[in-house]
Amino acid sequence: LRLRDGPLPPPHFGVAEGVCTWRVDVRLPPPAPDEEGLSEFLRLVALVCHGSHWRTTEEDVVASVIVSTRHKLEDAQQRGCFLRSTYVSVPRRATPPQIARLHRRHIQATLDEPRVCDTLHERLRMAACHYVFNKWMLAEVERADGARLELVCGGRRVSLASLLRLRVPLELKCVKDAPGSWRLLASP
C-alpha cells in the first residue's frame, strides 16, 4: 500500500481501532551538556530504560530497537519487511547518556551488517526484552491528492511514571509530535 499516491482501501465508517493499550505524552527536557549530539529518540529510549521499575528488580534492563534497512535495497519500493532488531542489555547503574550511547552503538553495528532482515534467532530474542522501541515516522501522511491521513492512537492515557511501573514487557511505538514532544503508544 503506497500511502502517498497509491489507491486506498474503502473508507471505514465504524469506530477506528487504536494501535495501543496505553498512551503517554512525553516532554523531553533540554539536552544536558553530556547529552549533546544524541538524538531525541535515543534520549527518549534512555529516559524509559533509566526510569524503568525493572532496574530495581532485575540485574539489567533488556531493550530492543527496531531498525529499518530498506535504504540498503537497490529498489526502495520493493515489497517486503526489511527490519532488523538490536538487543541491548542496559547495566543497572548506567546513566541516561550512557544508555543512549549504548543504544546508538548497537543500532550502528546492526546497520553496518550487510543483512536486511533478522534471523529467526534474532527475532525470537525480542521475546526476552523488557522494552521493544519502534520509532514511527508515519503518524501523519499528506497524500499527493491533498488528502491527509492521521494515526488513530486509541489506548488509555497514563503518566510516564505509571507506565514505567508496569510489570509487563512492552512494545513502545514512539511518535514525534514536535521538537522535544513525543507520544509513546504502549502495548504488552
Protein backbone atom coordinates (compact mmCIF):
# COMPACT_ATOMS: atom_id res chain seq x y z
CA LEU A 1 0.00 0.00 0.00
CA ARG A 2 1.60 3.26 -1.12
CA LEU A 3 0.20 5.81 1.29
CA ARG A 4 1.29 8.95 -0.56
CA ASP A 5 -0.03 8.19 -4.03
CA GLY A 6 -1.42 4.66 -4.24
CA PRO A 7 -5.06 3.58 -4.10
CA LEU A 8 -6.54 3.42 -0.62
CA PRO A 9 -8.81 0.71 0.73
CA PRO A 10 -12.51 1.59 1.06
CA PRO A 11 -13.26 4.03 3.89
CA HIS A 12 -14.16 2.63 7.29
CA PHE A 13 -17.10 4.37 8.96
CA GLY A 14 -17.16 2.47 12.25
CA VAL A 15 -15.11 3.16 15.37
CA ALA A 16 -11.43 3.29 14.45
CA GLU A 17 -9.16 0.73 16.08
CA GLY A 18 -6.36 2.16 18.18
CA VAL A 19 -2.78 1.00 17.86
CA CYS A 20 -2.02 0.69 21.58
CA THR A 21 -3.31 -0.16 25.03
CA TRP A 22 -1.84 2.88 26.80
CA ARG A 23 -0.56 6.20 25.52
CA VAL A 24 1.78 8.67 27.19
CA ASP A 25 2.73 12.20 26.23
CA VAL A 26 6.41 12.82 26.99
CA ARG A 27 8.10 16.20 27.02
CA LEU A 28 11.88 15.75 26.91
CA PRO A 29 13.97 18.20 28.93
CA PRO A 30 16.61 20.15 27.01
CA PRO A 31 19.76 18.06 26.50
CA ALA A 32 22.30 18.18 29.29
CA PRO A 33 25.91 19.00 28.30
CA ASP A 34 26.82 15.28 28.31
CA GLU A 35 23.84 14.55 26.01
CA GLU A 36 24.94 16.86 23.18
CA GLY A 37 24.89 15.07 19.84
CA LEU A 38 22.34 12.47 20.99
CA SER A 39 19.09 12.30 19.04
CA GLU A 40 15.79 12.95 20.78
CA PHE A 41 14.76 9.37 20.04
CA LEU A 42 17.83 7.96 21.81
CA ARG A 43 17.27 10.34 24.74
CA LEU A 44 13.67 9.06 24.94
CA VAL A 45 14.86 5.44 24.93
CA ALA A 46 17.34 6.30 27.71
CA LEU A 47 14.65 8.08 29.74
CA VAL A 48 12.42 5.00 29.63
CA CYS A 49 15.19 2.48 30.38
CA HIS A 50 16.63 4.60 33.19
CA GLY A 51 13.23 5.19 34.84
CA SER A 52 12.03 1.61 34.49
CA HIS A 53 10.92 -0.39 37.53
CA TRP A 54 12.86 -3.31 36.03
CA ARG A 55 16.08 -1.59 37.18
CA THR A 56 15.06 -2.22 40.80
CA THR A 57 14.03 -5.85 40.32
CA GLU A 58 16.36 -7.20 37.62
CA GLU A 59 20.09 -7.09 37.07
CA ASP A 60 19.78 -5.29 33.72
CA VAL A 61 17.02 -3.76 31.61
CA VAL A 62 16.91 -5.53 28.26
CA ALA A 63 15.70 -3.46 25.33
CA SER A 64 15.40 -3.75 21.58
CA VAL A 65 15.16 -1.05 18.92
CA ILE A 66 13.56 -1.84 15.57
CA VAL A 67 15.81 -0.57 12.75
CA SER A 68 14.75 -0.15 9.12
CA THR A 69 17.15 -1.48 6.49
CA ARG A 70 15.07 -0.53 3.43
CA HIS A 71 17.67 2.11 2.47
CA LYS A 72 20.10 -0.73 1.68
CA LEU A 73 17.91 -2.07 -1.13
CA GLU A 74 18.55 -1.22 -4.77
CA ASP A 75 14.79 -0.75 -5.19
CA ALA A 76 13.46 1.02 -2.10
CA GLN A 77 9.89 0.35 -3.35
CA GLN A 78 10.42 -3.42 -3.20
CA ARG A 79 7.64 -5.15 -1.28
CA GLY A 80 8.57 -6.78 1.99
CA CYS A 81 9.52 -6.20 5.58
CA PHE A 82 13.10 -5.01 5.85
CA LEU A 83 13.64 -4.60 9.57
CA ARG A 84 16.40 -5.57 11.95
CA SER A 85 16.34 -5.52 15.73
CA THR A 86 19.01 -4.62 18.24
CA TYR A 87 19.35 -6.39 21.56
CA VAL A 88 20.78 -4.23 24.33
CA SER A 89 21.41 -5.21 27.93
CA VAL A 90 21.47 -1.93 29.87
CA PRO A 91 23.63 -2.11 33.00
CA ARG A 92 21.74 -1.26 36.15
CA ARG A 93 23.97 1.67 37.09
CA ALA A 94 24.15 3.27 33.64
CA THR A 95 23.29 6.96 33.35
CA PRO A 96 20.86 8.21 30.68
CA PRO A 97 23.67 9.47 28.37
CA GLN A 98 25.46 6.11 28.74
CA ILE A 99 22.21 4.28 27.92
CA ALA A 100 21.63 6.44 24.82
CA ARG A 101 25.20 5.92 23.57
CA LEU A 102 24.98 2.17 24.18
CA HIS A 103 21.85 2.01 22.04
CA ARG A 104 23.45 4.17 19.35
CA ARG A 105 26.43 1.76 19.16
CA HIS A 106 24.13 -1.26 18.83
CA ILE A 107 21.99 0.44 16.18
CA GLN A 108 25.10 1.39 14.18
CA ALA A 109 26.52 -2.14 14.47
CA THR A 110 23.23 -3.54 13.18
CA LEU A 111 23.19 -1.08 10.26
CA ASP A 112 26.83 -1.91 9.42
CA GLU A 113 25.94 -5.56 8.80
CA PRO A 114 25.01 -6.39 5.20
CA ARG A 115 21.84 -8.34 6.08
CA VAL A 116 18.49 -6.57 5.67
CA CYS A 117 16.36 -8.95 7.77
CA ASP A 118 16.69 -10.59 11.18
CA THR A 119 17.42 -14.26 11.58
CA LEU A 120 14.79 -16.29 13.40
CA HIS A 121 17.06 -16.35 16.46
CA GLU A 122 17.38 -12.55 16.44
CA ARG A 123 13.64 -12.08 16.14
CA LEU A 124 12.95 -14.55 18.95
CA ARG A 125 15.34 -12.68 21.28
CA MET A 126 12.82 -9.84 21.38
CA ALA A 127 10.56 -12.07 23.48
CA ALA A 128 13.13 -11.71 26.30
CA CYS A 129 13.11 -7.89 26.19
CA HIS A 130 11.52 -5.60 28.73
CA TYR A 131 11.01 -2.95 26.04
CA VAL A 132 10.86 -3.01 22.26
CA PHE A 133 11.16 0.51 20.81
CA ASN A 134 9.77 1.26 17.37
CA LYS A 135 10.13 4.81 16.02
CA TRP A 136 7.02 5.54 13.96
CA MET A 137 7.56 8.03 11.16
CA LEU A 138 4.09 7.81 9.59
CA ALA A 139 1.89 9.43 12.24
CA GLU A 140 0.70 11.83 9.52
CA VAL A 141 0.91 11.40 5.76
CA GLU A 142 -0.05 14.08 3.28
CA ARG A 143 -1.04 12.42 0.03
CA ALA A 144 -0.28 13.71 -3.44
CA ASP A 145 -4.02 14.36 -3.91
CA GLY A 146 -4.06 16.65 -0.84
CA ALA A 147 -5.80 14.17 1.48
CA ARG A 148 -4.32 13.88 4.95
CA LEU A 149 -4.03 10.55 6.77
CA GLU A 150 -3.56 10.60 10.53
CA LEU A 151 -2.72 7.89 13.04
CA VAL A 152 -5.54 6.86 15.40
CA CYS A 153 -3.78 6.31 18.72
CA GLY A 154 -6.51 4.86 20.89
CA GLY A 155 -5.45 3.48 24.23
CA ARG A 156 -5.92 4.91 27.70
CA ARG A 157 -3.84 7.98 28.57
CA VAL A 158 -1.49 7.33 31.51
CA SER A 159 1.50 9.11 33.01
CA LEU A 160 5.05 8.07 32.16
CA ALA A 161 5.61 7.14 35.82
CA SER A 162 2.58 4.82 35.72
CA LEU A 163 3.76 3.22 32.50
CA LEU A 164 7.26 2.63 33.89
CA ARG A 165 5.80 0.90 36.98
CA LEU A 166 4.03 -1.73 34.87
CA ARG A 167 5.44 -5.19 35.43
CA VAL A 168 4.93 -6.42 31.87
CA PRO A 169 7.21 -6.25 28.83
CA LEU A 170 6.09 -3.51 26.46
CA GLU A 171 6.24 -2.65 22.80
CA LEU A 172 6.63 1.13 22.59
CA LYS A 173 5.76 2.89 19.35
CA CYS A 174 7.48 6.28 19.57
CA VAL A 175 5.85 9.13 17.65
CA LYS A 176 7.46 12.57 17.50
CA ASP A 177 4.80 15.31 17.63
CA ALA A 178 7.10 18.35 17.77
CA PRO A 179 10.67 19.12 18.87
CA GLY A 180 11.02 17.69 22.37
CA SER A 181 7.47 16.31 22.38
CA TRP A 182 6.77 12.59 21.88
CA ARG A 183 3.91 10.12 22.24
CA LEU A 184 4.57 6.61 23.49
CA LEU A 185 1.98 4.14 22.27
CA ALA A 186 2.41 1.14 24.54
CA SER A 187 1.12 -2.42 24.25
CA PRO A 188 2.00 -5.55 26.20
